[in-house]
Amino acid sequence: MLDQELLDILACPKCKGDLEYDRKNNKLICHHCRLKYDIKDDIPIMIIDEAEAF
């Protein structure tokens, strides 16, 4: 689980928009870009090419 302070400062690397934390799937979601970023070992993987489109 990610710390709320970290979530407050993170932004989508593609559009710089807000991210939503999906606790159930442990992913960060950008609704504007329609991308999901994985979180591994409590570290967000913010690489656009590795994000999952939805």
N, C-alpha and C. Protein backbone atom coordinates (compact mmCIF):
# COMPACT_ATOMS: atom_id res chain seq x y z
N MET A 1 0.84 -1.19 0.00
CA MET A 1 0.00 0.00 0.00
C MET A 1 0.88 1.24 0.00
N LEU A 2 0.50 2.19 -0.80
CA LEU A 2 1.28 3.42 -0.91
C LEU A 2 0.87 4.44 0.16
N ASP A 3 1.84 5.21 0.59
CA ASP A 3 1.62 6.27 1.56
C ASP A 3 0.81 7.40 0.91
N GLN A 4 -0.12 7.96 1.65
CA GLN A 4 -0.99 9.02 1.12
C GLN A 4 -0.19 10.25 0.69
N GLU A 5 0.87 10.57 1.42
CA GLU A 5 1.70 11.73 1.05
C GLU A 5 2.34 11.53 -0.32
N LEU A 6 2.78 10.31 -0.60
CA LEU A 6 3.35 10.02 -1.91
C LEU A 6 2.28 10.12 -2.99
N LEU A 7 1.11 9.58 -2.72
CA LEU A 7 0.01 9.64 -3.68
C LEU A 7 -0.37 11.09 -4.01
N ASP A 8 -0.28 11.95 -3.02
CA ASP A 8 -0.64 13.35 -3.22
C ASP A 8 0.30 14.09 -4.18
N ILE A 9 1.55 13.65 -4.28
CA ILE A 9 2.50 14.36 -5.14
C ILE A 9 2.74 13.68 -6.48
N LEU A 10 2.34 12.41 -6.61
CA LEU A 10 2.54 11.71 -7.88
C LEU A 10 1.59 12.24 -8.96
N ALA A 11 2.08 12.26 -10.19
CA ALA A 11 1.27 12.67 -11.34
C ALA A 11 1.57 11.73 -12.49
N CYS A 12 0.64 11.64 -13.40
CA CYS A 12 0.82 10.82 -14.59
C CYS A 12 2.03 11.35 -15.37
N PRO A 13 2.97 10.49 -15.73
CA PRO A 13 4.14 10.96 -16.47
C PRO A 13 3.81 11.39 -17.91
N LYS A 14 2.67 10.96 -18.42
CA LYS A 14 2.30 11.31 -19.80
C LYS A 14 1.59 12.66 -19.86
N CYS A 15 0.55 12.86 -19.04
CA CYS A 15 -0.24 14.09 -19.12
C CYS A 15 -0.07 15.02 -17.91
N LYS A 16 0.66 14.54 -16.91
CA LYS A 16 0.89 15.29 -15.66
C LYS A 16 -0.39 15.46 -14.83
N GLY A 17 -1.40 14.65 -15.14
CA GLY A 17 -2.67 14.71 -14.42
C GLY A 17 -2.66 13.90 -13.14
N ASP A 18 -3.77 13.97 -12.42
CA ASP A 18 -3.93 13.25 -11.16
C ASP A 18 -4.02 11.75 -11.40
N LEU A 19 -3.57 11.00 -10.40
CA LEU A 19 -3.66 9.55 -10.43
C LEU A 19 -4.57 9.07 -9.31
N GLU A 20 -5.27 7.99 -9.56
CA GLU A 20 -6.13 7.36 -8.56
C GLU A 20 -5.48 6.04 -8.17
N TYR A 21 -5.45 5.75 -6.86
CA TYR A 21 -4.88 4.49 -6.39
C TYR A 21 -5.96 3.43 -6.34
N ASP A 22 -5.75 2.35 -7.09
CA ASP A 22 -6.65 1.19 -7.10
C ASP A 22 -6.09 0.19 -6.10
N ARG A 23 -6.61 0.21 -4.87
CA ARG A 23 -6.10 -0.65 -3.80
C ARG A 23 -6.30 -2.13 -4.11
N LYS A 24 -7.43 -2.46 -4.71
CA LYS A 24 -7.74 -3.87 -5.00
C LYS A 24 -6.70 -4.49 -5.93
N ASN A 25 -6.33 -3.76 -6.98
CA ASN A 25 -5.39 -4.29 -7.98
C ASN A 25 -3.97 -3.75 -7.82
N ASN A 26 -3.77 -2.89 -6.83
CA ASN A 26 -2.47 -2.29 -6.54
C ASN A 26 -1.87 -1.61 -7.78
N LYS A 27 -2.64 -0.68 -8.35
CA LYS A 27 -2.21 0.05 -9.54
C LYS A 27 -2.56 1.52 -9.37
N LEU A 28 -1.84 2.36 -10.09
CA LEU A 28 -2.17 3.78 -10.19
C LEU A 28 -2.86 3.98 -11.53
N ILE A 29 -3.97 4.71 -11.52
CA ILE A 29 -4.79 4.88 -12.71
C ILE A 29 -4.85 6.34 -13.11
N CYS A 30 -4.61 6.59 -14.41
CA CYS A 30 -4.84 7.91 -15.00
C CYS A 30 -6.06 7.78 -15.89
N HIS A 31 -7.16 8.40 -15.48
CA HIS A 31 -8.40 8.31 -16.25
C HIS A 31 -8.31 9.13 -17.54
N HIS A 32 -7.53 10.20 -17.53
CA HIS A 32 -7.39 11.04 -18.73
C HIS A 32 -6.68 10.27 -19.86
N CYS A 33 -5.57 9.62 -19.53
CA CYS A 33 -4.79 8.87 -20.54
C CYS A 33 -5.30 7.44 -20.70
N ARG A 34 -6.14 7.01 -19.76
CA ARG A 34 -6.66 5.64 -19.74
C ARG A 34 -5.51 4.63 -19.64
N LEU A 35 -4.61 4.90 -18.67
CA LEU A 35 -3.48 4.03 -18.42
C LEU A 35 -3.46 3.59 -16.97
N LYS A 36 -2.97 2.36 -16.74
CA LYS A 36 -2.78 1.82 -15.40
C LYS A 36 -1.29 1.54 -15.22
N TYR A 37 -0.73 2.04 -14.12
CA TYR A 37 0.68 1.85 -13.80
C TYR A 37 0.80 0.84 -12.66
N ASP A 38 1.66 -0.16 -12.85
CA ASP A 38 1.88 -1.17 -11.82
C ASP A 38 2.61 -0.59 -10.62
N ILE A 39 2.42 -1.25 -9.49
CA ILE A 39 3.16 -0.94 -8.27
C ILE A 39 3.79 -2.25 -7.83
N LYS A 40 5.12 -2.29 -7.75
CA LYS A 40 5.84 -3.50 -7.36
C LYS A 40 6.67 -3.21 -6.12
N ASP A 41 6.48 -4.00 -5.08
CA ASP A 41 7.20 -3.82 -3.82
C ASP A 41 7.06 -2.39 -3.30
N ASP A 42 5.84 -1.85 -3.39
CA ASP A 42 5.51 -0.49 -2.94
C ASP A 42 6.20 0.61 -3.75
N ILE A 43 6.68 0.28 -4.95
CA ILE A 43 7.33 1.26 -5.82
C ILE A 43 6.51 1.41 -7.09
N PRO A 44 5.98 2.60 -7.36
CA PRO A 44 5.22 2.81 -8.59
C PRO A 44 6.14 2.72 -9.81
N ILE A 45 5.72 1.97 -10.81
CA ILE A 45 6.46 1.84 -12.06
C ILE A 45 5.83 2.83 -13.04
N MET A 46 6.42 4.01 -13.12
CA MET A 46 5.83 5.12 -13.87
C MET A 46 6.45 5.25 -15.26
N ILE A 47 6.59 4.14 -15.95
CA ILE A 47 7.14 4.12 -17.30
C ILE A 47 5.97 3.98 -18.27
N ILE A 48 5.80 4.97 -19.13
CA ILE A 48 4.64 5.01 -20.02
C ILE A 48 4.56 3.76 -20.89
N ASP A 49 5.69 3.31 -21.42
CA ASP A 49 5.69 2.13 -22.30
C ASP A 49 5.32 0.85 -21.58
N GLU A 50 5.41 0.84 -20.25
CA GLU A 50 5.05 -0.35 -19.48
C GLU A 50 3.65 -0.27 -18.88
N ALA A 51 2.99 0.85 -19.06
CA ALA A 51 1.63 1.03 -18.53
C ALA A 51 0.64 0.19 -19.33
N GLU A 52 -0.44 -0.17 -18.66
CA GLU A 52 -1.50 -0.99 -19.28
C GLU A 52 -2.66 -0.08 -19.67
N ALA A 53 -3.05 -0.13 -20.93
CA ALA A 53 -4.19 0.66 -21.40
C ALA A 53 -5.49 -0.01 -20.95
N PHE A 54 -6.52 0.82 -20.71
CA PHE A 54 -7.84 0.27 -20.37
C PHE A 54 -8.93 1.04 -21.06
